């Protein structure tokens, strides 16, 4: 069984914590970027959907002679 000096152990834990913080930060940035891309794509889809609904409603109103 090997003995580890508490100072060495503490220093190693501090280094691991710093690396873990950096990894978490990068992962959060990647997720945020993917969220922005997904939000833009959903917004475009909703825009087309509402545009099509307005076109259909307007066409129906014209056919029915209301407009």
Protein backbone atom coordinates (compact mmCIF):
# COMPACT_ATOMS: atom_id res chain seq x y z
CA UNK A 1 0.00 0.00 0.00
CA UNK A 2 1.43 3.38 -1.04
CA UNK A 3 1.28 6.45 1.10
CA UNK A 4 0.34 9.75 -0.56
CA UNK A 5 1.44 12.98 1.01
CA UNK A 6 -1.63 15.11 1.86
CA UNK A 7 -0.03 18.17 0.23
CA UNK A 8 0.52 16.28 -3.04
CA UNK A 9 -3.02 14.92 -2.87
CA UNK A 10 -4.45 18.40 -2.26
CA UNK A 11 -2.44 19.85 -5.16
CA UNK A 12 -3.61 17.08 -7.48
CA UNK A 13 -7.24 17.62 -6.47
CA UNK A 14 -6.91 21.37 -7.16
CA UNK A 15 -5.55 20.65 -10.66
CA UNK A 16 -8.35 18.18 -11.35
CA UNK A 17 -10.93 20.73 -10.15
CA UNK A 18 -9.52 23.38 -12.49
CA UNK A 19 -9.64 20.97 -15.43
CA UNK A 20 -13.19 19.96 -14.51
CA UNK A 21 -14.30 23.62 -14.44
CA UNK A 22 -12.83 24.19 -17.91
CA UNK A 23 -14.53 21.09 -19.31
CA UNK A 24 -17.88 22.10 -17.82
CA UNK A 25 -17.52 25.62 -19.25
CA UNK A 26 -16.76 24.33 -22.74
CA UNK A 27 -19.64 21.85 -22.57
CA UNK A 28 -22.02 24.63 -21.51
CA UNK A 29 -20.84 26.86 -24.36
CA UNK A 30 -21.39 24.06 -26.87
CA UNK A 31 -24.88 23.38 -25.52
CA UNK A 32 -25.76 27.08 -25.66
CA UNK A 33 -24.58 27.31 -29.26
CA UNK A 34 -26.63 24.26 -30.23
CA UNK A 35 -29.65 25.77 -28.47
CA UNK A 36 -29.31 28.96 -30.47
CA UNK A 37 -29.14 27.02 -33.74
CA UNK A 38 -32.16 24.93 -32.79
CA UNK A 39 -34.10 28.04 -31.76
CA UNK A 40 -33.38 29.71 -35.08
CA UNK A 41 -34.53 26.65 -37.02
CA UNK A 42 -37.74 26.35 -34.99
CA UNK A 43 -38.39 30.07 -35.52
CA UNK A 44 -38.03 29.68 -39.28
CA UNK A 45 -40.40 26.71 -39.21
CA UNK A 46 -43.00 28.67 -37.22
CA UNK A 47 -42.64 31.58 -39.65
CA UNK A 48 -43.41 29.36 -42.63
CA UNK A 49 -46.29 27.74 -40.77
CA UNK A 50 -47.95 31.03 -39.81
CA UNK A 51 -47.34 32.45 -43.29
CA UNK A 52 -49.05 29.45 -44.84
CA UNK A 53 -51.98 29.74 -42.41
CA UNK A 54 -52.43 33.43 -43.22
CA UNK A 55 -52.28 32.64 -46.96
CA UNK A 56 -54.91 29.90 -46.61
CA UNK A 57 -57.17 32.09 -44.48
CA UNK A 58 -56.88 34.98 -46.94
CA UNK A 59 -57.56 32.65 -49.89
CA UNK A 60 -60.67 31.30 -48.17
CA UNK A 61 -61.92 34.79 -47.47
CA UNK A 62 -61.41 35.77 -51.12
CA UNK A 63 -63.18 32.62 -52.38
CA UNK A 64 -66.11 33.19 -50.03
CA UNK A 65 -66.40 36.76 -51.29
CA UNK A 66 -65.84 38.39 -47.92
CA UNK A 67 -62.84 40.34 -49.19
